[in-house]
C-alpha atoms as a PDB file:
ATOM      1  CA  MET A   1      14.075  -6.467   6.552  1.00  0.00           C
ATOM      2  CA  LEU A   2      14.905  -4.620   9.731  1.00  0.00           C
ATOM      3  CA  MET A   3      12.930  -1.437  10.217  1.00  0.00           C
ATOM      4  CA  PRO A   4      14.457   1.606  11.915  1.00  0.00           C
ATOM      5  CA  HIS A   5      12.700   3.112  14.906  1.00  0.00           C
ATOM      6  CA  PRO A   6      10.309   5.868  13.749  1.00  0.00           C
ATOM      7  CA  ALA A   7      12.183   8.513  15.760  1.00  0.00           C
ATOM      8  CA  VAL A   8      15.475   7.552  14.094  1.00  0.00           C
ATOM      9  CA  LEU A   9      13.871   7.510  10.650  1.00  0.00           C
ATOM     10  CA  ARG A  10      12.191  10.877  11.242  1.00  0.00           C
ATOM     11  CA  GLY A  11      15.523  12.343  12.350  1.00  0.00           C
ATOM     12  CA  LEU A  12      17.300  10.990   9.265  1.00  0.00           C
ATOM     13  CA  LEU A  13      14.634  12.381   6.979  1.00  0.00           C
ATOM     14  CA  GLU A  14      14.718  15.822   8.595  1.00  0.00           C
ATOM     15  CA  GLU A  15      18.502  15.906   8.665  1.00  0.00           C
ATOM     16  CA  TYR A  16      18.738  14.868   5.008  1.00  0.00           C
ATOM     17  CA  GLU A  17      16.246  17.541   3.931  1.00  0.00           C
ATOM     18  CA  ALA A  18      18.147  20.208   5.896  1.00  0.00           C
ATOM     19  CA  ALA A  19      21.522  19.117   4.498  1.00  0.00           C
ATOM     20  CA  ALA A  20      20.197  18.948   0.933  1.00  0.00           C
ATOM     21  CA  ALA A  21      18.827  22.487   1.267  1.00  0.00           C
ATOM     22  CA  ASN A  22      21.756  24.079   3.114  1.00  0.00           C
ATOM     23  CA  GLU A  23      24.980  22.183   2.420  1.00  0.00           C
ATOM     24  CA  PRO A  24      27.035  23.621  -0.415  1.00  0.00           C
ATOM     25  CA  ALA A  25      27.736  21.358  -3.380  1.00  0.00           C
ATOM     26  CA  ASP A  26      31.205  19.880  -3.777  1.00  0.00           C
ATOM     27  CA  ALA A  27      33.676  20.998  -6.445  1.00  0.00           C
ATOM     28  CA  THR A  28      31.952  18.934  -9.153  1.00  0.00           C
ATOM     29  CA  GLY A  29      28.493  20.308  -8.363  1.00  0.00           C
ATOM     30  CA  ALA A  30      27.332  17.077  -6.693  1.00  0.00           C
ATOM     31  CA  PRO A  31      25.706  17.120  -3.259  1.00  0.00           C
ATOM     32  CA  GLY A  32      28.063  17.675  -0.349  1.00  0.00           C
ATOM     33  CA  PRO A  33      29.506  14.812   1.700  1.00  0.00           C
ATOM     34  CA  ARG A  34      26.999  15.081   4.560  1.00  0.00           C
ATOM     35  CA  THR A  35      24.078  15.018   2.133  1.00  0.00           C
ATOM     36  CA  ARG A  36      25.548  11.971   0.369  1.00  0.00           C
ATOM     37  CA  ASP A  37      26.096  10.179   3.691  1.00  0.00           C
ATOM     38  CA  LEU A  38      22.545  10.866   4.798  1.00  0.00           C
ATOM     39  CA  ALA A  39      21.152   9.776   1.411  1.00  0.00           C
ATOM     40  CA  TYR A  40      23.071   6.503   1.711  1.00  0.00           C
ATOM     41  CA  THR A  41      21.840   5.943   5.275  1.00  0.00           C
ATOM     42  CA  LEU A  42      18.241   6.646   4.251  1.00  0.00           C
ATOM     43  CA  CYS A  43      18.554   4.161   1.392  1.00  0.00           C
ATOM     44  CA  VAL A  44      20.003   1.457   3.640  1.00  0.00           C
ATOM     45  CA  SER A  45      17.386   2.141   6.326  1.00  0.00           C
ATOM     46  CA  THR A  46      14.502   1.815   3.883  1.00  0.00           C
ATOM     47  CA  GLY A  47      15.876  -0.935   1.643  1.00  0.00           C
ATOM     48  CA  THR A  48      16.004   1.266  -1.457  1.00  0.00           C
ATOM     49  CA  ARG A  49      18.713   2.382  -3.869  1.00  0.00           C
ATOM     50  CA  ASP A  50      17.453   5.849  -4.790  1.00  0.00           C
ATOM     51  CA  VAL A  51      17.160   8.731  -2.339  1.00  0.00           C
ATOM     52  CA  ALA A  52      13.793   9.861  -3.744  1.00  0.00           C
ATOM     53  CA  ARG A  53      12.383   6.370  -3.179  1.00  0.00           C
ATOM     54  CA  ALA A  54      14.049   6.243   0.226  1.00  0.00           C
ATOM     55  CA  MET A  55      12.323   9.466   1.251  1.00  0.00           C
ATOM     56  CA  GLU A  56       8.985   8.152  -0.007  1.00  0.00           C
ATOM     57  CA  ALA A  57       9.476   4.842   1.818  1.00  0.00           C
ATOM     58  CA  ALA A  58      10.492   6.682   5.013  1.00  0.00           C
ATOM     59  CA  ARG A  59       7.361   8.822   4.908  1.00  0.00           C
ATOM     60  CA  LEU A  60       5.193   5.740   4.338  1.00  0.00           C
ATOM     61  CA  GLN A  61       6.851   3.940   7.258  1.00  0.00           C
ATOM     62  CA  LEU A  62       6.353   6.967   9.504  1.00  0.00           C
ATOM     63  CA  THR A  63       2.681   7.174   8.511  1.00  0.00           C
ATOM     64  CA  ALA A  64       2.223   3.458   9.176  1.00  0.00           C
ATOM     65  CA  ALA A  65       3.946   3.757  12.567  1.00  0.00           C
ATOM     66  CA  ALA A  66       1.738   6.699  13.551  1.00  0.00           C
ATOM     67  CA  THR A  67      -1.383   4.787  12.507  1.00  0.00           C
ATOM     68  CA  HIS A  68      -0.239   1.709  14.424  1.00  0.00           C
ATOM     69  CA  THR A  69       0.451   3.819  17.524  1.00  0.00           C
ATOM     70  CA  ALA A  70      -2.938   5.523  17.309  1.00  0.00           C
ATOM     71  CA  LYS A  71      -4.691   2.144  17.017  1.00  0.00           C
ATOM     72  CA  ALA A  72      -2.731   0.777  19.980  1.00  0.00           C
ATOM     73  CA  VAL A  73      -3.650   3.784  22.118  1.00  0.00           C
ATOM     74  CA  GLU A  74      -7.309   3.428  21.166  1.00  0.00           C
ATOM     75  CA  ALA A  75      -7.235  -0.289  21.942  1.00  0.00           C
ATOM     76  CA  ALA A  76      -5.706   0.409  25.344  1.00  0.00           C
ATOM     77  CA  ARG A  77      -8.514   2.853  26.128  1.00  0.00           C
ATOM     78  CA  THR A  78     -11.279   0.486  25.067  1.00  0.00           C
ATOM     79  CA  PRO A  79     -12.427  -1.807  27.904  1.00  0.00           C
ATOM     80  CA  MET A  80     -12.328  -5.507  27.199  1.00  0.00           C
ATOM     81  CA  PRO A  81     -15.795  -7.079  26.934  1.00  0.00           C
ATOM     82  CA  ALA A  82     -16.651  -9.539  29.684  1.00  0.00           C
ATOM     83  CA  LYS A  83     -17.006 -13.172  28.682  1.00  0.00           C
ATOM     84  CA  ALA A  84     -20.559 -14.460  28.678  1.00  0.00           C
ATOM     85  CA  GLY A  85     -21.410 -16.121  31.974  1.00  0.00           C
ATOM     86  CA  ALA A  86     -18.140 -15.135  33.616  1.00  0.00           C
ATOM     87  CA  LYS A  87     -18.275 -13.951  37.207  1.00  0.00           C
ATOM     88  CA  ALA A  88     -16.247 -11.018  38.346  1.00  0.00           C
ATOM     89  CA  GLU A  89     -13.410 -12.197  40.530  1.00  0.00           C
ATOM     90  CA  THR A  90     -12.498 -10.323  43.650  1.00  0.00           C
ATOM     91  CA  MET A  91      -9.499 -10.658  45.862  1.00  0.00           C
ATOM     92  CA  THR A  92     -11.152 -11.024  49.236  1.00  0.00           C
ATOM     93  CA  SER A  93      -8.565 -13.320  50.733  1.00  0.00           C
ATOM     94  CA  ALA A  94      -5.465 -11.487  49.595  1.00  0.00           C
ATOM     95  CA  LYS A  95      -2.672 -11.569  52.143  1.00  0.00           C
ATOM     96  CA  ALA A  96      -0.040  -8.946  52.680  1.00  0.00           C
ATOM     97  CA  PRO A  97       3.440 -10.112  51.756  1.00  0.00           C
ATOM     98  CA  ALA A  98       5.566 -11.437  54.613  1.00  0.00           C
ATOM     99  CA  PRO A  99       8.005  -8.874  56.023  1.00  0.00           C
ATOM    100  CA  MET A 100      11.626  -9.203  55.037  1.00  0.00           C
ATOM    101  CA  PRO A 101      13.918 -10.474  57.801  1.00  0.00           C
ATOM    102  CA  ALA A 102      16.121  -7.877  59.400  1.00  0.00           C
ATOM    103  CA  ALA A 103      19.716  -7.804  58.219  1.00  0.00           C
ATOM    104  CA  ALA A 104      22.188  -9.381  60.604  1.00  0.00           C
ATOM    105  CA  ALA A 105      24.546  -6.971  62.335  1.00  0.00           C
ATOM    106  CA  ASP A 106      28.250  -7.468  61.583  1.00  0.00           C
END
């Protein structure tokens, strides 16, 4: 299953919650059209068929994404251990790149 980007999912969740709280119901008392559209999009985005489950799945995905990001940041900050017996390599003979040739005059 494709997973929406966390920022998109967070936006959908926030927009749905705002619409559900503020959009007036339609003539039959059902949620308004924007709320229904957002509920449908949340369900499709999370692979569910019920908006309550979609909201739960979205929150779980957002939590998992935040945890994954935090672990990636921590891993990037942690220095890699040196291999046993490996010598540190230095670039003592590095050469500067050759200059680019001048453009020909027209």
